[in-house]
Amino acid sequence: MIDTSYALSVMAAMAAITFGLRALPFLAARFLQSHRLVQQLGRFLPLAIMTLLLLHTLVGSARQNPSGPWAELAAVLIVIVLQWWRRHALLSILTGTALYVLLRNTGLFKLVT
């Protein structure tokens, strides 16, 4: 059985490290805001991460769909068009998600292929 003082000291160390890691960005905010590399990453990285997540999800879902990637492609297309036209992220995401769920559950593209 583990000694109580040992378990408490390990938990205290974990809590201190976790708190330190959470507090570090706030403590380094002044440096991070003025650093040129961080500013470049702030402009480029969110779009790159979202693109990679989208591609990974699309490829994974399309492989599992026996009807092919048509539902995924239609949902992505409607999101792109709505975002370009209305510039409202929540509307685009909700509409694309609803279309994807509708197409996957109704099997509309099974009739086409």
PDB file of N, CA and C in Angstrom:
ATOM      1  N   MET A   1       0.836  -1.177   0.000  1.00  0.00           N
ATOM      2  CA  MET A   1       0.000   0.000   0.000  1.00  0.00           C
ATOM      3  C   MET A   1       0.885   1.246   0.000  1.00  0.00           C
ATOM      4  N   ILE A   2       0.442   2.295  -0.668  1.00  0.00           N
ATOM      5  CA  ILE A   2       1.214   3.527  -0.797  1.00  0.00           C
ATOM      6  C   ILE A   2       1.095   4.342   0.483  1.00  0.00           C
ATOM      7  N   ASP A   3       2.225   4.897   0.876  1.00  0.00           N
ATOM      8  CA  ASP A   3       2.268   5.750   2.054  1.00  0.00           C
ATOM      9  C   ASP A   3       1.464   7.026   1.779  1.00  0.00           C
ATOM     10  N   THR A   4       0.677   7.475   2.761  1.00  0.00           N
ATOM     11  CA  THR A   4      -0.186   8.642   2.591  1.00  0.00           C
ATOM     12  C   THR A   4       0.614   9.910   2.306  1.00  0.00           C
ATOM     13  N   SER A   5       1.705  10.107   3.019  1.00  0.00           N
ATOM     14  CA  SER A   5       2.500  11.320   2.794  1.00  0.00           C
ATOM     15  C   SER A   5       3.144  11.317   1.407  1.00  0.00           C
ATOM     16  N   TYR A   6       3.545  10.148   0.931  1.00  0.00           N
ATOM     17  CA  TYR A   6       4.110  10.042  -0.405  1.00  0.00           C
ATOM     18  C   TYR A   6       3.050  10.379  -1.460  1.00  0.00           C
ATOM     19  N   ALA A   7       1.855   9.843  -1.313  1.00  0.00           N
ATOM     20  CA  ALA A   7       0.775  10.100  -2.264  1.00  0.00           C
ATOM     21  C   ALA A   7       0.397  11.576  -2.276  1.00  0.00           C
ATOM     22  N   LEU A   8       0.326  12.186  -1.092  1.00  0.00           N
ATOM     23  CA  LEU A   8      -0.009  13.608  -1.015  1.00  0.00           C
ATOM     24  C   LEU A   8       1.084  14.476  -1.634  1.00  0.00           C
ATOM     25  N   SER A   9       2.338  14.116  -1.420  1.00  0.00           N
ATOM     26  CA  SER A   9       3.429  14.906  -2.006  1.00  0.00           C
ATOM     27  C   SER A   9       3.454  14.777  -3.525  1.00  0.00           C
ATOM     28  N   VAL A  10       3.161  13.591  -4.045  1.00  0.00           N
ATOM     29  CA  VAL A  10       3.101  13.409  -5.496  1.00  0.00           C
ATOM     30  C   VAL A  10       1.949  14.228  -6.072  1.00  0.00           C
ATOM     31  N   MET A  11       0.795  14.209  -5.428  1.00  0.00           N
ATOM     32  CA  MET A  11      -0.340  14.997  -5.902  1.00  0.00           C
ATOM     33  C   MET A  11      -0.048  16.491  -5.823  1.00  0.00           C
ATOM     34  N   ALA A  12       0.638  16.931  -4.778  1.00  0.00           N
ATOM     35  CA  ALA A  12       1.001  18.344  -4.671  1.00  0.00           C
ATOM     36  C   ALA A  12       1.974  18.742  -5.776  1.00  0.00           C
ATOM     37  N   ALA A  13       2.928  17.876  -6.089  1.00  0.00           N
ATOM     38  CA  ALA A  13       3.867  18.160  -7.169  1.00  0.00           C
ATOM     39  C   ALA A  13       3.134  18.226  -8.520  1.00  0.00           C
ATOM     40  N   MET A  14       2.217  17.301  -8.749  1.00  0.00           N
ATOM     41  CA  MET A  14       1.451  17.323  -9.997  1.00  0.00           C
ATOM     42  C   MET A  14       0.604  18.583 -10.093  1.00  0.00           C
ATOM     43  N   ALA A  15      -0.005  18.992  -8.983  1.00  0.00           N
ATOM     44  CA  ALA A  15      -0.825  20.204  -8.986  1.00  0.00           C
ATOM     45  C   ALA A  15       0.032  21.433  -9.254  1.00  0.00           C
ATOM     46  N   ALA A  16       1.219  21.495  -8.654  1.00  0.00           N
ATOM     47  CA  ALA A  16       2.103  22.647  -8.865  1.00  0.00           C
ATOM     48  C   ALA A  16       2.574  22.721 -10.317  1.00  0.00           C
ATOM     49  N   ILE A  17       2.928  21.588 -10.892  1.00  0.00           N
ATOM     50  CA  ILE A  17       3.368  21.574 -12.293  1.00  0.00           C
ATOM     51  C   ILE A  17       2.219  21.951 -13.222  1.00  0.00           C
ATOM     52  N   THR A  18       1.040  21.412 -12.975  1.00  0.00           N
ATOM     53  CA  THR A  18      -0.116  21.743 -13.797  1.00  0.00           C
ATOM     54  C   THR A  18      -0.444  23.225 -13.698  1.00  0.00           C
ATOM     55  N   PHE A  19      -0.451  23.769 -12.488  1.00  0.00           N
ATOM     56  CA  PHE A  19      -0.719  25.190 -12.305  1.00  0.00           C
ATOM     57  C   PHE A  19       0.343  26.036 -13.003  1.00  0.00           C
ATOM     58  N   GLY A  20       1.597  25.640 -12.889  1.00  0.00           N
ATOM     59  CA  GLY A  20       2.672  26.380 -13.547  1.00  0.00           C
ATOM     60  C   GLY A  20       2.534  26.377 -15.056  1.00  0.00           C
ATOM     61  N   LEU A  21       2.192  25.227 -15.614  1.00  0.00           N
ATOM     62  CA  LEU A  21       2.016  25.150 -17.065  1.00  0.00           C
ATOM     63  C   LEU A  21       0.822  25.977 -17.535  1.00  0.00           C
ATOM     64  N   ARG A  22      -0.225  26.034 -16.730  1.00  0.00           N
ATOM     65  CA  ARG A  22      -1.391  26.845 -17.089  1.00  0.00           C
ATOM     66  C   ARG A  22      -1.100  28.336 -16.938  1.00  0.00           C
ATOM     67  N   ALA A  23      -0.282  28.704 -15.965  1.00  0.00           N
ATOM     68  CA  ALA A  23       0.012  30.110 -15.705  1.00  0.00           C
ATOM     69  C   ALA A  23       1.101  30.666 -16.615  1.00  0.00           C
ATOM     70  N   LEU A  24       1.933  29.812 -17.178  1.00  0.00           N
ATOM     71  CA  LEU A  24       3.063  30.259 -17.984  1.00  0.00           C
ATOM     72  C   LEU A  24       2.667  31.169 -19.147  1.00  0.00           C
ATOM     73  N   PRO A  25       1.639  30.850 -19.944  1.00  0.00           N
ATOM     74  CA  PRO A  25       1.281  31.772 -21.035  1.00  0.00           C
ATOM     75  C   PRO A  25       0.878  33.165 -20.541  1.00  0.00           C
ATOM     76  N   PHE A  26       0.229  33.239 -19.383  1.00  0.00           N
ATOM     77  CA  PHE A  26      -0.159  34.542 -18.856  1.00  0.00           C
ATOM     78  C   PHE A  26       1.053  35.324 -18.361  1.00  0.00           C
ATOM     79  N   LEU A  27       2.019  34.612 -17.791  1.00  0.00           N
ATOM     80  CA  LEU A  27       3.220  35.275 -17.313  1.00  0.00           C
ATOM     81  C   LEU A  27       4.106  35.740 -18.471  1.00  0.00           C
ATOM     82  N   ALA A  28       4.089  35.005 -19.564  1.00  0.00           N
ATOM     83  CA  ALA A  28       4.931  35.340 -20.712  1.00  0.00           C
ATOM     84  C   ALA A  28       4.168  36.112 -21.783  1.00  0.00           C
ATOM     85  N   ALA A  29       2.980  36.619 -21.478  1.00  0.00           N
ATOM     86  CA  ALA A  29       2.136  37.266 -22.485  1.00  0.00           C
ATOM     87  C   ALA A  29       2.807  38.486 -23.106  1.00  0.00           C
ATOM     88  N   ARG A  30       3.470  39.289 -22.313  1.00  0.00           N
ATOM     89  CA  ARG A  30       4.098  40.492 -22.852  1.00  0.00           C
ATOM     90  C   ARG A  30       5.167  40.126 -23.879  1.00  0.00           C
ATOM     91  N   PHE A  31       5.981  39.132 -23.566  1.00  0.00           N
ATOM     92  CA  PHE A  31       7.011  38.684 -24.505  1.00  0.00           C
ATOM     93  C   PHE A  31       6.379  38.072 -25.749  1.00  0.00           C
ATOM     94  N   LEU A  32       5.356  37.241 -25.555  1.00  0.00           N
ATOM     95  CA  LEU A  32       4.744  36.542 -26.681  1.00  0.00           C
ATOM     96  C   LEU A  32       4.034  37.493 -27.637  1.00  0.00           C
ATOM     97  N   GLN A  33       3.390  38.533 -27.109  1.00  0.00           N
ATOM     98  CA  GLN A  33       2.659  39.462 -27.965  1.00  0.00           C
ATOM     99  C   GLN A  33       3.582  40.278 -28.851  1.00  0.00           C
ATOM    100  N   SER A  34       4.776  40.549 -28.397  1.00  0.00           N
ATOM    101  CA  SER A  34       5.674  41.397 -29.177  1.00  0.00           C
ATOM    102  C   SER A  34       6.656  40.602 -30.041  1.00  0.00           C
ATOM    103  N   HIS A  35       6.689  39.302 -29.898  1.00  0.00           N
ATOM    104  CA  HIS A  35       7.632  38.496 -30.659  1.00  0.00           C
ATOM    105  C   HIS A  35       7.098  38.260 -32.073  1.00  0.00           C
ATOM    106  N   ARG A  36       7.947  38.479 -33.076  1.00  0.00           N
ATOM    107  CA  ARG A  36       7.535  38.400 -34.476  1.00  0.00           C
ATOM    108  C   ARG A  36       7.132  36.979 -34.888  1.00  0.00           C
ATOM    109  N   LEU A  37       7.876  35.981 -34.435  1.00  0.00           N
ATOM    110  CA  LEU A  37       7.568  34.603 -34.789  1.00  0.00           C
ATOM    111  C   LEU A  37       6.205  34.177 -34.240  1.00  0.00           C
ATOM    112  N   VAL A  38       5.905  34.576 -33.023  1.00  0.00           N
ATOM    113  CA  VAL A  38       4.618  34.233 -32.417  1.00  0.00           C
ATOM    114  C   VAL A  38       3.477  34.917 -33.174  1.00  0.00           C
ATOM    115  N   GLN A  39       3.688  36.132 -33.634  1.00  0.00           N
ATOM    116  CA  GLN A  39       2.658  36.825 -34.409  1.00  0.00           C
ATOM    117  C   GLN A  39       2.408  36.118 -35.739  1.00  0.00           C
ATOM    118  N   GLN A  40       3.483  35.672 -36.398  1.00  0.00           N
ATOM    119  CA  GLN A  40       3.323  34.930 -37.654  1.00  0.00           C
ATOM    120  C   GLN A  40       2.576  33.623 -37.421  1.00  0.00           C
ATOM    121  N   LEU A  41       2.937  32.910 -36.362  1.00  0.00           N
ATOM    122  CA  LEU A  41       2.253  31.654 -36.051  1.00  0.00           C
ATOM    123  C   LEU A  41       0.783  31.896 -35.721  1.00  0.00           C
ATOM    124  N   GLY A  42       0.503  32.999 -35.052  1.00  0.00           N
ATOM    125  CA  GLY A  42      -0.878  33.330 -34.704  1.00  0.00           C
ATOM    126  C   GLY A  42      -1.746  33.575 -35.923  1.00  0.00           C
ATOM    127  N   ARG A  43      -1.140  34.049 -37.003  1.00  0.00           N
ATOM    128  CA  ARG A  43      -1.903  34.277 -38.230  1.00  0.00           C
ATOM    129  C   ARG A  43      -2.037  33.000 -39.064  1.00  0.00           C
ATOM    130  N   PHE A  44      -1.038  32.161 -39.068  1.00  0.00           N
ATOM    131  CA  PHE A  44      -0.999  31.011 -39.969  1.00  0.00           C
ATOM    132  C   PHE A  44      -1.488  29.717 -39.329  1.00  0.00           C
ATOM    133  N   LEU A  45      -1.125  29.477 -38.085  1.00  0.00           N
ATOM    134  CA  LEU A  45      -1.346  28.177 -37.458  1.00  0.00           C
ATOM    135  C   LEU A  45      -2.812  27.773 -37.298  1.00  0.00           C
ATOM    136  N   PRO A  46      -3.734  28.651 -36.887  1.00  0.00           N
ATOM    137  CA  PRO A  46      -5.121  28.192 -36.750  1.00  0.00           C
ATOM    138  C   PRO A  46      -5.707  27.645 -38.056  1.00  0.00           C
ATOM    139  N   LEU A  47      -5.455  28.321 -39.159  1.00  0.00           N
ATOM    140  CA  LEU A  47      -5.965  27.835 -40.442  1.00  0.00           C
ATOM    141  C   LEU A  47      -5.309  26.510 -40.826  1.00  0.00           C
ATOM    142  N   ALA A  48      -4.013  26.387 -40.593  1.00  0.00           N
ATOM    143  CA  ALA A  48      -3.315  25.143 -40.934  1.00  0.00           C
ATOM    144  C   ALA A  48      -3.835  23.977 -40.099  1.00  0.00           C
ATOM    145  N   ILE A  49      -4.054  24.191 -38.820  1.00  0.00           N
ATOM    146  CA  ILE A  49      -4.553  23.121 -37.950  1.00  0.00           C
ATOM    147  C   ILE A  49      -5.967  22.717 -38.357  1.00  0.00           C
ATOM    148  N   MET A  50      -6.828  23.693 -38.624  1.00  0.00           N
ATOM    149  CA  MET A  50      -8.193  23.369 -39.030  1.00  0.00           C
ATOM    150  C   MET A  50      -8.209  22.629 -40.370  1.00  0.00           C
ATOM    151  N   THR A  51      -7.332  23.002 -41.287  1.00  0.00           N
ATOM    152  CA  THR A  51      -7.260  22.308 -42.574  1.00  0.00           C
ATOM    153  C   THR A  51      -6.818  20.863 -42.391  1.00  0.00           C
ATOM    154  N   LEU A  52      -5.796  20.646 -41.572  1.00  0.00           N
ATOM    155  CA  LEU A  52      -5.342  19.275 -41.326  1.00  0.00           C
ATOM    156  C   LEU A  52      -6.405  18.434 -40.631  1.00  0.00           C
ATOM    157  N   LEU A  53      -7.100  19.008 -39.652  1.00  0.00           N
ATOM    158  CA  LEU A  53      -8.175  18.272 -38.985  1.00  0.00           C
ATOM    159  C   LEU A  53      -9.304  17.940 -39.961  1.00  0.00           C
ATOM    160  N   LEU A  54      -9.638  18.872 -40.827  1.00  0.00           N
ATOM    161  CA  LEU A  54     -10.688  18.641 -41.812  1.00  0.00           C
ATOM    162  C   LEU A  54     -10.305  17.523 -42.773  1.00  0.00           C
ATOM    163  N   LEU A  55      -9.086  17.569 -43.290  1.00  0.00           N
ATOM    164  CA  LEU A  55      -8.644  16.534 -44.217  1.00  0.00           C
ATOM    165  C   LEU A  55      -8.600  15.159 -43.558  1.00  0.00           C
ATOM    166  N   HIS A  56      -8.106  15.114 -42.327  1.00  0.00           N
ATOM    167  CA  HIS A  56      -8.047  13.843 -41.608  1.00  0.00           C
ATOM    168  C   HIS A  56      -9.446  13.276 -41.395  1.00  0.00           C
ATOM    169  N   THR A  57     -10.373  14.114 -41.009  1.00  0.00           N
ATOM    170  CA  THR A  57     -11.742  13.668 -40.769  1.00  0.00           C
ATOM    171  C   THR A  57     -12.417  13.250 -42.063  1.00  0.00           C
ATOM    172  N   LEU A  58     -12.218  14.025 -43.124  1.00  0.00           N
ATOM    173  CA  LEU A  58     -12.838  13.681 -44.401  1.00  0.00           C
ATOM    174  C   LEU A  58     -12.346  12.344 -44.938  1.00  0.00           C
ATOM    175  N   VAL A  59     -11.061  12.137 -44.896  1.00  0.00           N
ATOM    176  CA  VAL A  59     -10.507  10.883 -45.409  1.00  0.00           C
ATOM    177  C   VAL A  59     -10.995   9.707 -44.569  1.00  0.00           C
ATOM    178  N   GLY A  60     -11.006   9.860 -43.252  1.00  0.00           N
ATOM    179  CA  GLY A  60     -11.473   8.783 -42.382  1.00  0.00           C
ATOM    180  C   GLY A  60     -12.937   8.465 -42.587  1.00  0.00           C
ATOM    181  N   SER A  61     -13.771   9.498 -42.704  1.00  0.00           N
ATOM    182  CA  SER A  61     -15.207   9.274 -42.903  1.00  0.00           C
ATOM    183  C   SER A  61     -15.501   8.719 -44.286  1.00  0.00           C
ATOM    184  N   ALA A  62     -14.789   9.212 -45.290  1.00  0.00           N
ATOM    185  CA  ALA A  62     -15.034   8.738 -46.647  1.00  0.00           C
ATOM    186  C   ALA A  62     -14.651   7.274 -46.803  1.00  0.00           C
ATOM    187  N   ARG A  63     -13.624   6.835 -46.111  1.00  0.00           N
ATOM    188  CA  ARG A  63     -13.223   5.427 -46.183  1.00  0.00           C
ATOM    189  C   ARG A  63     -14.264   4.510 -45.552  1.00  0.00           C
ATOM    190  N   GLN A  64     -14.960   4.991 -44.541  1.00  0.00           N
ATOM    191  CA  GLN A  64     -15.951   4.172 -43.853  1.00  0.00           C
ATOM    192  C   GLN A  64     -17.300   4.176 -44.559  1.00  0.00           C
ATOM    193  N   ASN A  65     -17.506   5.124 -45.468  1.00  0.00           N
ATOM    194  CA  ASN A  65     -18.790   5.248 -46.130  1.00  0.00           C
ATOM    195  C   ASN A  65     -18.806   4.391 -47.393  1.00  0.00           C
ATOM    196  N   PRO A  66     -19.672   3.393 -47.465  1.00  0.00           N
ATOM    197  CA  PRO A  66     -19.699   2.533 -48.651  1.00  0.00           C
ATOM    198  C   PRO A  66     -20.196   3.257 -49.907  1.00  0.00           C
ATOM    199  N   SER A  67     -20.872   4.382 -49.739  1.00  0.00           N
ATOM    200  CA  SER A  67     -21.378   5.137 -50.891  1.00  0.00           C
ATOM    201  C   SER A  67     -20.332   6.061 -51.492  1.00  0.00           C
ATOM    202  N   GLY A  68     -19.191   6.154 -50.866  1.00  0.00           N
ATOM    203  CA  GLY A  68     -18.148   7.044 -51.363  1.00  0.00           C
ATOM    204  C   GLY A  68     -18.107   8.350 -50.588  1.00  0.00           C
ATOM    205  N   PRO A  69     -17.272   9.260 -51.025  1.00  0.00           N
ATOM    206  CA  PRO A  69     -17.055  10.497 -50.264  1.00  0.00           C
ATOM    207  C   PRO A  69     -18.045  11.608 -50.590  1.00  0.00           C
ATOM    208  N   TRP A  70     -19.175  11.308 -51.215  1.00  0.00           N
ATOM    209  CA  TRP A  70     -20.064  12.355 -51.713  1.00  0.00           C
ATOM    210  C   TRP A  70     -20.731  13.151 -50.602  1.00  0.00           C
ATOM    211  N   ALA A  71     -21.154  12.520 -49.537  1.00  0.00           N
ATOM    212  CA  ALA A  71     -21.783  13.258 -48.434  1.00  0.00           C
ATOM    213  C   ALA A  71     -20.786  14.221 -47.796  1.00  0.00           C
ATOM    214  N   GLU A  72     -19.561  13.767 -47.611  1.00  0.00           N
ATOM    215  CA  GLU A  72     -18.532  14.615 -47.025  1.00  0.00           C
ATOM    216  C   GLU A  72     -18.217  15.804 -47.926  1.00  0.00           C
ATOM    217  N   LEU A  73     -18.073  15.526 -49.218  1.00  0.00           N
ATOM    218  CA  LEU A  73     -17.750  16.600 -50.156  1.00  0.00           C
ATOM    219  C   LEU A  73     -18.887  17.613 -50.272  1.00  0.00           C
ATOM    220  N   ALA A  74     -20.127  17.149 -50.255  1.00  0.00           N
ATOM    221  CA  ALA A  74     -21.269  18.072 -50.321  1.00  0.00           C
ATOM    222  C   ALA A  74     -21.325  18.956 -49.081  1.00  0.00           C
ATOM    223  N   ALA A  75     -21.075  18.372 -47.906  1.00  0.00           N
ATOM    224  CA  ALA A  75     -21.098  19.156 -46.676  1.00  0.00           C
ATOM    225  C   ALA A  75     -19.982  20.194 -46.658  1.00  0.00           C
ATOM    226  N   VAL A  76     -18.789  19.802 -47.085  1.00  0.00           N
ATOM    227  CA  VAL A  76     -17.673  20.755 -47.127  1.00  0.00           C
ATOM    228  C   VAL A  76     -17.960  21.854 -48.137  1.00  0.00           C
ATOM    229  N   LEU A  77     -18.518  21.512 -49.261  1.00  0.00           N
ATOM    230  CA  LEU A  77     -18.836  22.510 -50.278  1.00  0.00           C
ATOM    231  C   LEU A  77     -19.853  23.527 -49.763  1.00  0.00           C
ATOM    232  N   ILE A  78     -20.884  23.062 -49.080  1.00  0.00           N
ATOM    233  CA  ILE A  78     -21.887  23.996 -48.561  1.00  0.00           C
ATOM    234  C   ILE A  78     -21.288  24.887 -47.474  1.00  0.00           C
ATOM    235  N   VAL A  79     -20.384  24.349 -46.668  1.00  0.00           N
ATOM    236  CA  VAL A  79     -19.718  25.171 -45.650  1.00  0.00           C
ATOM    237  C   VAL A  79     -18.869  26.249 -46.313  1.00  0.00           C
ATOM    238  N   ILE A  80     -18.123  25.882 -47.342  1.00  0.00           N
ATOM    239  CA  ILE A  80     -17.269  26.860 -48.037  1.00  0.00           C
ATOM    240  C   ILE A  80     -18.121  27.950 -48.679  1.00  0.00           C
ATOM    241  N   VAL A  81     -19.200  27.558 -49.359  1.00  0.00           N
ATOM    242  CA  VAL A  81     -20.055  28.543 -50.025  1.00  0.00           C
ATOM    243  C   VAL A  81     -20.725  29.458 -49.007  1.00  0.00           C
ATOM    244  N   LEU A  82     -21.268  28.897 -47.945  1.00  0.00           N
ATOM    245  CA  LEU A  82     -21.928  29.728 -46.925  1.00  0.00           C
ATOM    246  C   LEU A  82     -20.938  30.659 -46.235  1.00  0.00           C
ATOM    247  N   GLN A  83     -19.760  30.173 -45.950  1.00  0.00           N
ATOM    248  CA  GLN A  83     -18.770  31.017 -45.288  1.00  0.00           C
ATOM    249  C   GLN A  83     -18.329  32.150 -46.215  1.00  0.00           C
ATOM    250  N   TRP A  84     -18.172  31.856 -47.490  1.00  0.00           N
ATOM    251  CA  TRP A  84     -17.774  32.872 -48.450  1.00  0.00           C
ATOM    252  C   TRP A  84     -18.885  33.912 -48.640  1.00  0.00           C
ATOM    253  N   TRP A  85     -20.142  33.428 -48.650  1.00  0.00           N
ATOM    254  CA  TRP A  85     -21.271  34.307 -48.927  1.00  0.00           C
ATOM    255  C   TRP A  85     -21.687  35.114 -47.702  1.00  0.00           C
ATOM    256  N   ARG A  86     -21.856  34.461 -46.539  1.00  0.00           N
ATOM    257  CA  ARG A  86     -22.406  35.123 -45.349  1.00  0.00           C
ATOM    258  C   ARG A  86     -21.355  35.532 -44.329  1.00  0.00           C
ATOM    259  N   ARG A  87     -20.192  34.899 -44.352  1.00  0.00           N
ATOM    260  CA  ARG A  87     -19.123  35.182 -43.385  1.00  0.00           C
ATOM    261  C   ARG A  87     -19.615  35.018 -41.940  1.00  0.00           C
ATOM    262  N   HIS A  88     -20.335  33.940 -41.713  1.00  0.00           N
ATOM    263  CA  HIS A  88     -20.882  33.631 -40.384  1.00  0.00           C
ATOM    264  C   HIS A  88     -20.507  32.185 -40.062  1.00  0.00           C
ATOM    265  N   ALA A  89     -19.477  32.014 -39.231  1.00  0.00           N
ATOM    266  CA  ALA A  89     -18.918  30.687 -38.987  1.00  0.00           C
ATOM    267  C   ALA A  89     -19.936  29.726 -38.376  1.00  0.00           C
ATOM    268  N   LEU A  90     -20.715  30.198 -37.407  1.00  0.00           N
ATOM    269  CA  LEU A  90     -21.672  29.308 -36.751  1.00  0.00           C
ATOM    270  C   LEU A  90     -22.721  28.809 -37.737  1.00  0.00           C
ATOM    271  N   LEU A  91     -23.224  29.687 -38.581  1.00  0.00           N
ATOM    272  CA  LEU A  91     -24.197  29.286 -39.598  1.00  0.00           C
ATOM    273  C   LEU A  91     -23.597  28.251 -40.543  1.00  0.00           C
ATOM    274  N   SER A  92     -22.373  28.489 -40.989  1.00  0.00           N
ATOM    275  CA  SER A  92     -21.715  27.565 -41.910  1.00  0.00           C
ATOM    276  C   SER A  92     -21.505  26.202 -41.275  1.00  0.00           C
ATOM    277  N   ILE A  93     -21.010  26.181 -40.055  1.00  0.00           N
ATOM    278  CA  ILE A  93     -20.725  24.911 -39.377  1.00  0.00           C
ATOM    279  C   ILE A  93     -22.003  24.134 -39.099  1.00  0.00           C
ATOM    280  N   LEU A  94     -23.019  24.803 -38.582  1.00  0.00           N
ATOM    281  CA  LEU A  94     -24.273  24.107 -38.272  1.00  0.00           C
ATOM    282  C   LEU A  94     -24.950  23.578 -39.534  1.00  0.00           C
ATOM    283  N   THR A  95     -24.962  24.377 -40.594  1.00  0.00           N
ATOM    284  CA  THR A  95     -25.585  23.927 -41.840  1.00  0.00           C
ATOM    285  C   THR A  95     -24.819  22.756 -42.446  1.00  0.00           C
ATOM    286  N   GLY A  96     -23.489  22.854 -42.469  1.00  0.00           N
ATOM    287  CA  GLY A  96     -22.684  21.759 -43.011  1.00  0.00           C
ATOM    288  C   GLY A  96     -22.845  20.482 -42.212  1.00  0.00           C
ATOM    289  N   THR A  97     -22.877  20.608 -40.899  1.00  0.00           N
ATOM    290  CA  THR A  97     -23.058  19.432 -40.045  1.00  0.00           C
ATOM    291  C   THR A  97     -24.431  18.809 -40.249  1.00  0.00           C
ATOM    292  N   ALA A  98     -25.461  19.652 -40.305  1.00  0.00           N
ATOM    293  CA  ALA A  98     -26.817  19.136 -40.511  1.00  0.00           C
ATOM    294  C   ALA A  98     -26.942  18.445 -41.864  1.00  0.00           C
ATOM    295  N   LEU A  99     -26.359  19.039 -42.902  1.00  0.00           N
ATOM    296  CA  LEU A  99     -26.401  18.412 -44.224  1.00  0.00           C
ATOM    297  C   LEU A  99     -25.667  17.076 -44.227  1.00  0.00           C
ATOM    298  N   TYR A 100     -24.516  17.039 -43.594  1.00  0.00           N
ATOM    299  CA  TYR A 100     -23.739  15.791 -43.540  1.00  0.00           C
ATOM    300  C   TYR A 100     -24.520  14.690 -42.819  1.00  0.00           C
ATOM    301  N   VAL A 101     -25.090  15.017 -41.673  1.00  0.00           N
ATOM    302  CA  VAL A 101     -25.862  14.023 -40.914  1.00  0.00           C
ATOM    303  C   VAL A 101     -27.067  13.564 -41.728  1.00  0.00           C
ATOM    304  N   LEU A 102     -27.736  14.497 -42.376  1.00  0.00           N
ATOM    305  CA  LEU A 102     -28.893  14.146 -43.202  1.00  0.00           C
ATOM    306  C   LEU A 102     -28.497  13.221 -44.354  1.00  0.00           C
ATOM    307  N   LEU A 103     -27.412  13.558 -45.047  1.00  0.00           N
ATOM    308  CA  LEU A 103     -26.992  12.735 -46.188  1.00  0.00           C
ATOM    309  C   LEU A 103     -26.505  11.361 -45.758  1.00  0.00           C
ATOM    310  N   ARG A 104     -25.802  11.293 -44.645  1.00  0.00           N
ATOM    311  CA  ARG A 104     -25.300   9.986 -44.181  1.00  0.00           C
ATOM    312  C   ARG A 104     -26.433   9.090 -43.674  1.00  0.00           C
ATOM    313  N   ASN A 105     -27.437   9.701 -43.024  1.00  0.00           N
ATOM    314  CA  ASN A 105     -28.502   8.892 -42.432  1.00  0.00           C
ATOM    315  C   ASN A 105     -29.611   8.538 -43.413  1.00  0.00           C
ATOM    316  N   THR A 106     -29.824   9.359 -44.421  1.00  0.00           N
ATOM    317  CA  THR A 106     -30.890   9.044 -45.376  1.00  0.00           C
ATOM    318  C   THR A 106     -30.401   8.157 -46.498  1.00  0.00           C
ATOM    319  N   GLY A 107     -29.100   8.129 -46.744  1.00  0.00           N
ATOM    320  CA  GLY A 107     -28.571   7.294 -47.804  1.00  0.00           C
ATOM    321  C   GLY A 107     -28.908   7.824 -49.184  1.00  0.00           C
ATOM    322  N   LEU A 108     -29.045   9.126 -49.326  1.00  0.00           N
ATOM    323  CA  LEU A 108     -29.396   9.737 -50.607  1.00  0.00           C
ATOM    324  C   LEU A 108     -28.385   9.378 -51.691  1.00  0.00           C
ATOM    325  N   PHE A 109     -27.114   9.342 -51.342  1.00  0.00           N
ATOM    326  CA  PHE A 109     -26.087   9.060 -52.328  1.00  0.00           C
ATOM    327  C   PHE A 109     -25.983   7.574 -52.654  1.00  0.00           C
ATOM    328  N   LYS A 110     -26.649   6.708 -51.902  1.00  0.00           N
ATOM    329  CA  LYS A 110     -26.675   5.293 -52.256  1.00  0.00           C
ATOM    330  C   LYS A 110     -27.481   5.076 -53.534  1.00  0.00           C
ATOM    331  N   LEU A 111     -28.462   5.952 -53.741  1.00  0.00           N
ATOM    332  CA  LEU A 111     -29.265   5.855 -54.956  1.00  0.00           C
ATOM    333  C   LEU A 111     -28.484   6.280 -56.186  1.00  0.00           C
ATOM    334  N   VAL A 112     -27.551   7.213 -55.997  1.00  0.00           N
ATOM    335  CA  VAL A 112     -26.782   7.737 -57.112  1.00  0.00           C
ATOM    336  C   VAL A 112     -25.712   6.759 -57.547  1.00  0.00           C
ATOM    337  N   THR A 113     -25.033   6.119 -56.590  1.00  0.00           N
ATOM    338  CA  THR A 113     -23.907   5.261 -56.921  1.00  0.00           C
ATOM    339  C   THR A 113     -24.328   3.839 -57.139  1.00  0.00           C
TER     340      THR A 113
END
